[in-house]
Amino acid sequence: MYITDNSGHFLCYSRNVRQTRKKKGRSEKGLGTLQQRGRLWYFRITIDGKEHTHATKTADLEQARLERDRFLRTLRPVSSLAPLHETVTVAELVDDYVTAKKDNHQRSADDIERALKVNVLRAEMFQGRLAASITTQDLKNYRELRKAIGRKDATINNELTYLRSAFFYGQKQTPKKVVEVPYFPIVKVNNTRLGFIELADYKKILACMCGSLKLFFVLAYHSACRSGELTNLRWDQVKRELGIIQLEPGTTKNDEGRNLPIYGDMAQWLDQQEAIRKAQCPDCEYVLFWHQAEVDTFVRRKAGDKLNTFASMWQRAVDQAGFPDLIPHDLRRSALRNMNQEVGIPEVQCMKISGHKTAATFLRYNIVSLKGVIEVGKKMGAWMASQSTV
């Protein structure tokens, strides 16, 4: 383009006006581009492969730059003009991970969310922190902090394992939200429980259980089921005519369905529970529920509410019976030992009932009783005696 004077005489050449305007509105590297369309300035930037265009609604370049900066803050924090993995916080990783667990309908999602958001994210070393800034020393400090308030190593291991999974989940994203996962100090613990109860102990403890917990105790001792599998049982899963209780696929830890035999005094206590249901809460769909007696005396529930949290009621009963260290999971171990060692049911069948996937895990639960050891001693002594006379 050339420029003339008032009389039309040639003076000089000039750059294209559009090029001049573009240069005038050029931003620093990484801040996108301001371009003038007519009188007004428009802003354009590409972040993570996605183009964003924004009208500043002003003809003033300085005002346009201020509007550009404001708009950038709505896309990411100010520091986020750096690569994504340098701007993601620990809280964002946790949110992504928990959401993924819930989207996949994982049964442990609520426990994971509670461990991460109630315990981990409330710790000072993680509040507002960028994920990229977390070091192994921060994680060691967290362990020491939790131990100082009495938390066991196994509990802390679980919390750190969940957090580590959140970091690995962020590393799988495109673009990556985590480039390098720090080393997590997971310590070795030996918390394998060896407890179980004999049949005489079972009857003694059952007598001390409150009405709402009696059927839970009976089912746990007979079926080798996990607590969560029992508390989620509905009446339509109890097939009295077939003599079984059906655990539906998707309701168990490994998501596979199982059938539990009804035997011993299970039928008696199921009948009693159904009679209570008809009298107090006929619309209750769950087999295990709070009875009116406990609602009136101990718990803030209403009759028919699902039996969910009952730690204090359980502890009161086992203390009274003289077994203060007994936990519900010990009943699972007791049932397996009774089936396999006392009755002689093959391991494969026991595992089908209990839901164990591997023989190694089953064998860890299948504890030999003192009586069993004594019986082995007697049989081996008799065998050796018989051989010495040959």
Protein backbone atom coordinates (compact mmCIF):
# COMPACT_ATOMS: atom_id res chain seq x y z
CA MET A 1 0.00 0.00 0.00
CA TYR A 2 1.27 3.54 -0.79
CA ILE A 3 0.50 6.91 0.80
CA THR A 4 -0.14 10.20 -1.12
CA ASP A 5 -0.47 13.84 -0.11
CA ASN A 6 -3.66 15.92 -0.49
CA SER A 7 -2.91 16.58 -4.14
CA GLY A 8 -2.41 12.91 -4.94
CA HIS A 9 1.37 12.97 -5.26
CA PHE A 10 3.19 9.74 -4.14
CA LEU A 11 4.97 10.02 -0.77
CA CYS A 12 5.96 6.48 0.44
CA TYR A 13 4.93 2.84 0.83
CA SER A 14 3.32 1.55 4.01
CA ARG A 15 2.73 -1.93 5.45
CA ASN A 16 -0.72 -3.42 5.24
CA VAL A 17 -2.96 -1.89 7.87
CA ARG A 18 -4.03 -5.38 9.07
CA GLN A 19 -0.38 -6.31 9.63
CA THR A 20 0.17 -3.11 11.59
CA ARG A 21 -2.83 -3.79 13.80
CA LYS A 22 -1.77 -7.38 14.39
CA LYS A 23 1.68 -6.28 15.50
CA LYS A 24 0.14 -3.65 17.75
CA GLY A 25 -1.98 -6.25 19.54
CA ARG A 26 0.64 -8.98 19.74
CA SER A 27 0.93 -10.55 23.21
CA GLU A 28 3.82 -12.09 25.06
CA LYS A 29 4.56 -15.70 24.22
CA GLY A 30 2.03 -17.99 25.85
CA LEU A 31 -0.62 -15.29 26.30
CA GLY A 32 -2.43 -15.83 23.03
CA THR A 33 -3.19 -13.15 20.43
CA LEU A 34 -5.25 -9.94 20.38
CA GLN A 35 -6.65 -9.08 16.96
CA GLN A 36 -8.68 -6.03 15.94
CA ARG A 37 -11.85 -6.62 13.96
CA GLY A 38 -13.26 -3.31 12.90
CA ARG A 39 -12.96 -1.10 15.99
CA LEU A 40 -13.04 -3.88 18.64
CA TRP A 41 -10.34 -6.24 19.88
CA TYR A 42 -10.78 -10.01 19.95
CA PHE A 43 -8.65 -12.48 21.90
CA ARG A 44 -7.62 -15.97 20.75
CA ILE A 45 -5.54 -18.65 22.49
CA THR A 46 -5.02 -22.42 22.14
CA ILE A 47 -4.67 -24.43 25.35
CA ASP A 48 -4.12 -28.20 25.37
CA GLY A 49 -5.14 -28.38 21.71
CA LYS A 50 -8.41 -26.49 22.21
CA GLU A 51 -8.87 -23.01 20.69
CA HIS A 52 -10.63 -20.35 22.76
CA THR A 53 -11.90 -17.09 21.19
CA HIS A 54 -13.17 -14.20 23.29
CA ALA A 55 -14.58 -10.77 22.39
CA THR A 56 -13.12 -8.10 24.68
CA LYS A 57 -15.91 -5.64 23.68
CA THR A 58 -13.54 -2.70 23.72
CA ALA A 59 -11.62 -0.63 21.16
CA ASP A 60 -8.98 0.36 23.74
CA LEU A 61 -5.91 -1.89 23.58
CA GLU A 62 -5.03 -1.57 27.27
CA GLN A 63 -8.58 -2.43 28.29
CA ALA A 64 -8.48 -5.35 25.88
CA ARG A 65 -5.35 -6.67 27.58
CA LEU A 66 -7.01 -6.43 30.98
CA GLU A 67 -10.01 -8.33 29.63
CA ARG A 68 -7.63 -10.91 28.14
CA ASP A 69 -6.00 -11.46 31.53
CA ARG A 70 -9.41 -11.81 33.21
CA PHE A 71 -10.54 -14.33 30.61
CA LEU A 72 -7.34 -16.35 31.00
CA ARG A 73 -8.03 -16.70 34.73
CA THR A 74 -11.38 -18.33 33.93
CA LEU A 75 -9.64 -20.92 31.77
CA ARG A 76 -6.95 -21.81 34.29
CA PRO A 77 -5.28 -20.27 37.33
CA VAL A 78 -2.72 -17.61 36.45
CA SER A 79 0.14 -20.06 36.96
CA SER A 80 -1.55 -22.58 34.68
CA LEU A 81 -0.12 -21.12 31.52
CA ALA A 82 2.63 -23.57 32.32
CA PRO A 83 2.09 -27.24 31.28
CA LEU A 84 -0.96 -28.85 32.85
CA HIS A 85 1.00 -31.21 35.11
CA GLU A 86 2.62 -28.19 36.78
CA THR A 87 -0.73 -26.65 37.79
CA VAL A 88 -2.83 -29.58 39.03
CA THR A 89 -3.42 -29.73 42.77
CA VAL A 90 -3.55 -32.82 44.98
CA ALA A 91 -7.24 -32.12 45.58
CA GLU A 92 -7.92 -32.22 41.83
CA LEU A 93 -6.20 -35.61 41.52
CA VAL A 94 -8.29 -36.93 44.40
CA ASP A 95 -11.52 -35.62 42.85
CA ASP A 96 -10.70 -37.26 39.51
CA TYR A 97 -9.83 -40.58 41.13
CA VAL A 98 -12.91 -40.73 43.38
CA THR A 99 -15.19 -39.78 40.47
CA ALA A 100 -13.71 -42.58 38.36
CA LYS A 101 -14.34 -45.09 41.15
CA LYS A 102 -17.95 -43.97 41.49
CA ASP A 103 -18.50 -43.99 37.73
CA ASN A 104 -17.33 -47.62 37.69
CA HIS A 105 -19.72 -48.41 40.58
CA GLN A 106 -16.88 -49.69 42.72
CA ARG A 107 -18.24 -50.75 46.11
CA SER A 108 -15.27 -49.28 47.97
CA ALA A 109 -15.68 -45.81 46.40
CA ASP A 110 -17.27 -44.30 49.52
CA ASP A 111 -14.52 -45.68 51.76
CA ILE A 112 -11.85 -44.35 49.42
CA GLU A 113 -13.50 -40.92 49.30
CA ARG A 114 -13.74 -40.80 53.08
CA ALA A 115 -10.10 -41.80 53.57
CA LEU A 116 -8.82 -39.25 51.06
CA LYS A 117 -11.05 -36.26 51.70
CA VAL A 118 -11.58 -36.57 55.45
CA ASN A 119 -8.06 -37.64 56.38
CA VAL A 120 -5.49 -37.00 53.64
CA LEU A 121 -6.63 -33.68 52.19
CA ARG A 122 -7.16 -32.16 55.64
CA ALA A 123 -3.50 -32.68 56.51
CA GLU A 124 -1.49 -29.46 56.39
CA MET A 125 1.13 -30.83 54.00
CA PHE A 126 -1.52 -31.39 51.28
CA GLN A 127 -3.78 -28.37 51.64
CA GLY A 128 -3.66 -26.27 48.47
CA ARG A 129 -0.51 -28.07 47.31
CA LEU A 130 0.34 -28.69 43.66
CA ALA A 131 0.67 -32.39 42.92
CA ALA A 132 4.06 -31.78 41.28
CA SER A 133 5.40 -30.31 44.52
CA ILE A 134 4.69 -33.37 46.67
CA THR A 135 7.83 -35.18 47.81
CA THR A 136 8.50 -38.44 49.62
CA GLN A 137 9.36 -36.40 52.70
CA ASP A 138 5.83 -34.91 52.67
CA LEU A 139 4.44 -38.44 52.63
CA LYS A 140 6.72 -39.50 55.49
CA ASN A 141 5.57 -36.46 57.44
CA TYR A 142 1.97 -37.50 56.86
CA ARG A 143 2.70 -40.95 58.26
CA GLU A 144 4.28 -39.45 61.36
CA LEU A 145 1.35 -37.06 61.78
CA ARG A 146 -1.18 -39.91 61.65
CA LYS A 147 0.86 -42.12 63.98
CA ALA A 148 1.07 -39.28 66.48
CA ILE A 149 -2.72 -39.36 66.87
CA GLY A 150 -2.79 -43.12 67.28
CA ARG A 151 -3.50 -44.43 63.79
CA LYS A 152 -2.08 -47.86 62.98
CA ASP A 153 0.41 -48.48 60.19
CA ALA A 154 -2.13 -50.60 58.30
CA THR A 155 -4.63 -47.72 58.28
CA ILE A 156 -1.99 -45.23 57.15
CA ASN A 157 -0.86 -47.66 54.44
CA ASN A 158 -4.41 -47.77 53.08
CA GLU A 159 -4.65 -43.97 52.97
CA LEU A 160 -1.29 -43.58 51.22
CA THR A 161 -2.12 -46.39 48.80
CA TYR A 162 -5.33 -44.61 47.78
CA LEU A 163 -3.41 -41.36 47.29
CA ARG A 164 -0.75 -43.15 45.22
CA SER A 165 -3.52 -44.60 43.02
CA ALA A 166 -4.85 -41.07 42.49
CA PHE A 167 -1.39 -39.99 41.30
CA PHE A 168 -1.12 -42.95 38.93
CA TYR A 169 -4.62 -42.21 37.61
CA GLY A 170 -3.51 -38.64 36.86
CA GLN A 171 -0.46 -39.98 35.06
CA LYS A 172 -2.70 -41.95 32.69
CA GLN A 173 -4.64 -38.86 31.56
CA THR A 174 -4.09 -37.10 28.23
CA PRO A 175 -2.54 -34.61 28.62
CA LYS A 176 -0.79 -35.96 31.70
CA LYS A 177 -1.76 -34.41 35.00
CA VAL A 178 1.17 -36.17 36.68
CA VAL A 179 4.54 -36.75 35.02
CA GLU A 180 6.44 -38.30 37.92
CA VAL A 181 4.84 -40.15 40.83
CA PRO A 182 6.80 -39.69 44.06
CA TYR A 183 7.92 -42.70 46.08
CA PHE A 184 5.27 -43.61 48.67
CA PRO A 185 6.61 -44.99 51.98
CA ILE A 186 4.36 -48.04 52.46
CA VAL A 187 5.64 -50.01 55.47
CA LYS A 188 5.32 -53.74 55.99
CA VAL A 189 2.79 -54.75 58.62
CA ASN A 190 1.85 -58.12 60.00
CA ASN A 191 -1.83 -57.76 60.83
CA THR A 192 -3.05 -61.22 59.85
CA ARG A 193 -5.63 -62.21 62.44
CA LEU A 194 -5.63 -65.77 63.76
CA GLY A 195 -8.76 -65.65 65.91
CA PHE A 196 -11.81 -67.87 65.71
CA ILE A 197 -14.46 -69.12 68.13
CA GLU A 198 -15.65 -72.58 69.04
CA LEU A 199 -19.31 -73.59 68.96
CA ALA A 200 -19.66 -73.20 72.74
CA ASP A 201 -18.22 -69.68 72.52
CA TYR A 202 -20.62 -68.89 69.68
CA LYS A 203 -23.63 -69.70 71.86
CA LYS A 204 -22.26 -67.68 74.78
CA ILE A 205 -21.65 -64.59 72.64
CA LEU A 206 -24.98 -64.92 70.84
CA ALA A 207 -26.78 -64.70 74.20
CA CYS A 208 -25.07 -61.32 74.82
CA MET A 209 -25.94 -59.80 71.45
CA CYS A 210 -28.80 -57.30 71.31
CA GLY A 211 -31.88 -58.29 69.32
CA SER A 212 -30.88 -56.29 66.24
CA LEU A 213 -27.49 -58.02 65.99
CA LYS A 214 -28.45 -61.63 66.75
CA LEU A 215 -29.33 -62.64 63.19
CA PHE A 216 -26.21 -60.89 61.85
CA PHE A 217 -24.10 -62.89 64.31
CA VAL A 218 -25.80 -66.16 63.37
CA LEU A 219 -25.45 -65.59 59.61
CA ALA A 220 -21.82 -64.50 59.90
CA TYR A 221 -20.85 -67.56 61.97
CA HIS A 222 -22.59 -70.01 59.64
CA SER A 223 -22.04 -68.55 56.18
CA ALA A 224 -18.42 -67.25 56.15
CA CYS A 225 -19.75 -64.07 54.49
CA ARG A 226 -18.26 -60.61 54.72
CA SER A 227 -20.16 -58.10 56.87
CA GLY A 228 -21.11 -55.88 53.93
CA GLU A 229 -22.52 -58.81 52.00
CA LEU A 230 -24.77 -59.68 54.94
CA THR A 231 -26.00 -56.15 55.73
CA ASN A 232 -27.04 -55.73 52.08
CA LEU A 233 -29.15 -58.89 52.02
CA ARG A 234 -32.79 -58.42 50.98
CA TRP A 235 -35.68 -60.73 51.76
CA ASP A 236 -36.13 -61.71 48.12
CA GLN A 237 -32.67 -63.31 48.26
CA VAL A 238 -33.72 -65.74 51.00
CA LYS A 239 -35.04 -68.88 49.27
CA ARG A 240 -36.44 -70.90 52.15
CA GLU A 241 -38.01 -73.50 49.86
CA LEU A 242 -34.57 -74.25 48.40
CA GLY A 243 -32.72 -73.89 51.67
CA ILE A 244 -30.32 -71.24 50.33
CA ILE A 245 -29.56 -67.53 50.40
CA GLN A 246 -28.58 -66.07 47.04
CA LEU A 247 -25.91 -63.40 46.78
CA GLU A 248 -26.47 -61.64 43.48
CA PRO A 249 -23.68 -60.71 41.04
CA GLY A 250 -22.46 -57.19 41.70
CA THR A 251 -23.29 -57.29 45.43
CA THR A 252 -20.15 -59.17 46.53
CA LYS A 253 -16.54 -58.07 46.83
CA ASN A 254 -15.50 -59.85 43.62
CA ASP A 255 -18.84 -59.05 41.90
CA GLU A 256 -19.62 -62.76 41.44
CA GLY A 257 -22.85 -64.31 42.70
CA ARG A 258 -22.85 -67.10 45.32
CA ASN A 259 -25.32 -69.39 47.08
CA LEU A 260 -25.20 -69.90 50.85
CA PRO A 261 -26.72 -72.97 52.51
CA ILE A 262 -29.29 -72.44 55.29
CA TYR A 263 -28.40 -74.85 58.11
CA GLY A 264 -28.08 -75.09 61.89
CA ASP A 265 -30.11 -72.44 63.69
CA MET A 266 -30.11 -70.05 60.73
CA ALA A 267 -33.71 -70.99 59.82
CA GLN A 268 -34.92 -70.40 63.39
CA TRP A 269 -33.43 -66.92 63.57
CA LEU A 270 -34.61 -66.03 60.05
CA ASP A 271 -38.16 -66.94 61.11
CA GLN A 272 -37.89 -64.78 64.22
CA GLN A 273 -36.55 -61.86 62.19
CA GLU A 274 -39.39 -62.13 59.68
CA ALA A 275 -41.96 -62.12 62.51
CA ILE A 276 -40.38 -58.95 63.94
CA ARG A 277 -40.40 -57.37 60.51
CA LYS A 278 -44.13 -58.03 60.06
CA ALA A 279 -44.87 -56.53 63.47
CA GLN A 280 -42.59 -53.48 63.39
CA CYS A 281 -41.67 -52.62 59.77
CA PRO A 282 -43.53 -54.67 57.15
CA ASP A 283 -42.12 -52.57 54.28
CA CYS A 284 -38.47 -53.18 55.23
CA GLU A 285 -36.68 -54.87 52.30
CA TYR A 286 -33.46 -55.67 54.18
CA VAL A 287 -33.01 -58.87 56.18
CA LEU A 288 -30.90 -57.12 58.82
CA PHE A 289 -32.49 -54.03 60.37
CA TRP A 290 -32.74 -52.14 63.64
CA HIS A 291 -35.39 -53.40 66.05
CA GLN A 292 -37.63 -51.08 68.04
CA ALA A 293 -35.97 -52.12 71.33
CA GLU A 294 -32.57 -50.77 70.27
CA VAL A 295 -34.14 -47.66 68.72
CA ASP A 296 -35.83 -46.86 72.03
CA THR A 297 -32.69 -47.46 74.07
CA PHE A 298 -29.45 -47.00 72.14
CA VAL A 299 -29.51 -45.80 68.53
CA ARG A 300 -30.83 -42.77 66.68
CA ARG A 301 -32.63 -44.74 64.03
CA LYS A 302 -36.15 -45.88 63.40
CA ALA A 303 -37.35 -49.45 63.41
CA GLY A 304 -36.70 -51.02 60.02
CA ASP A 305 -33.68 -48.90 59.13
CA LYS A 306 -30.92 -50.94 57.50
CA LEU A 307 -28.35 -52.34 59.93
CA ASN A 308 -25.25 -50.47 58.89
CA THR A 309 -22.99 -49.10 61.61
CA PHE A 310 -23.06 -50.99 64.89
CA ALA A 311 -19.50 -50.95 66.27
CA SER A 312 -20.45 -49.76 69.77
CA MET A 313 -23.28 -52.28 70.09
CA TRP A 314 -20.97 -55.07 68.93
CA GLN A 315 -18.22 -54.09 71.37
CA ARG A 316 -20.66 -53.97 74.26
CA ALA A 317 -21.75 -57.55 73.53
CA VAL A 318 -18.31 -59.10 73.07
CA ASP A 319 -17.02 -57.34 76.20
CA GLN A 320 -19.89 -58.77 78.18
CA ALA A 321 -19.27 -62.26 76.78
CA GLY A 322 -15.55 -62.10 77.61
CA PHE A 323 -14.20 -61.83 74.05
CA PRO A 324 -13.24 -58.12 73.82
CA ASP A 325 -10.95 -58.57 70.80
CA LEU A 326 -13.49 -60.40 68.63
CA ILE A 327 -14.38 -58.65 65.38
CA PRO A 328 -17.07 -59.67 62.84
CA HIS A 329 -14.43 -60.91 60.38
CA ASP A 330 -13.32 -63.54 62.91
CA LEU A 331 -16.69 -65.24 62.35
CA ARG A 332 -15.84 -65.68 58.66
CA ARG A 333 -12.67 -67.49 59.68
CA SER A 334 -14.58 -69.61 62.20
CA ALA A 335 -17.14 -70.72 59.62
CA LEU A 336 -14.45 -71.79 57.17
CA ARG A 337 -12.61 -73.80 59.81
CA ASN A 338 -15.83 -75.53 60.85
CA MET A 339 -16.69 -76.44 57.24
CA ASN A 340 -13.27 -77.71 56.25
CA GLN A 341 -11.72 -79.14 59.40
CA GLU A 342 -14.69 -80.18 61.54
CA VAL A 343 -17.02 -81.44 58.80
CA GLY A 344 -14.50 -82.24 56.07
CA ILE A 345 -16.09 -80.23 53.24
CA PRO A 346 -13.55 -79.97 50.38
CA GLU A 347 -11.67 -76.68 50.04
CA VAL A 348 -13.14 -76.01 46.59
CA GLN A 349 -16.69 -76.13 47.93
CA CYS A 350 -15.79 -73.98 50.94
CA MET A 351 -14.28 -71.38 48.63
CA LYS A 352 -17.43 -71.35 46.49
CA ILE A 353 -19.46 -70.49 49.60
CA SER A 354 -17.05 -67.97 51.13
CA GLY A 355 -16.12 -66.27 47.85
CA HIS A 356 -12.36 -66.78 48.12
CA LYS A 357 -10.66 -66.61 44.73
CA THR A 358 -7.31 -68.19 45.58
CA ALA A 359 -6.33 -71.18 47.70
CA ALA A 360 -3.55 -69.16 49.35
CA THR A 361 -6.03 -66.69 50.83
CA PHE A 362 -8.33 -69.50 51.90
CA LEU A 363 -5.51 -71.34 53.68
CA ARG A 364 -4.59 -68.19 55.59
CA TYR A 365 -8.14 -68.12 56.99
CA ASN A 366 -8.35 -71.87 57.62
CA ILE A 367 -6.70 -71.91 61.06
CA VAL A 368 -6.02 -75.23 62.76
CA SER A 369 -7.58 -75.36 66.22
CA LEU A 370 -5.78 -76.58 69.33
CA LYS A 371 -8.13 -79.55 69.40
CA GLY A 372 -7.11 -80.38 65.85
CA VAL A 373 -3.42 -80.29 66.79
CA ILE A 374 -4.03 -82.61 69.74
CA GLU A 375 -5.95 -85.02 67.48
CA VAL A 376 -3.06 -85.04 65.02
CA GLY A 377 -0.65 -85.81 67.87
CA LYS A 378 -2.76 -88.75 69.03
CA LYS A 379 -3.08 -90.20 65.53
CA MET A 380 0.63 -89.80 64.80
CA GLY A 381 1.53 -91.36 68.16
CA ALA A 382 -0.72 -94.35 67.48
CA TRP A 383 0.81 -94.76 64.02
CA MET A 384 4.37 -94.68 65.34
CA ALA A 385 3.47 -97.18 68.08
CA SER A 386 2.02 -99.52 65.51
CA GLN A 387 5.15 -99.27 63.37
CA SER A 388 7.50 -100.05 66.26
CA THR A 389 5.89 -103.46 66.75
CA VAL A 390 6.38 -104.48 63.15
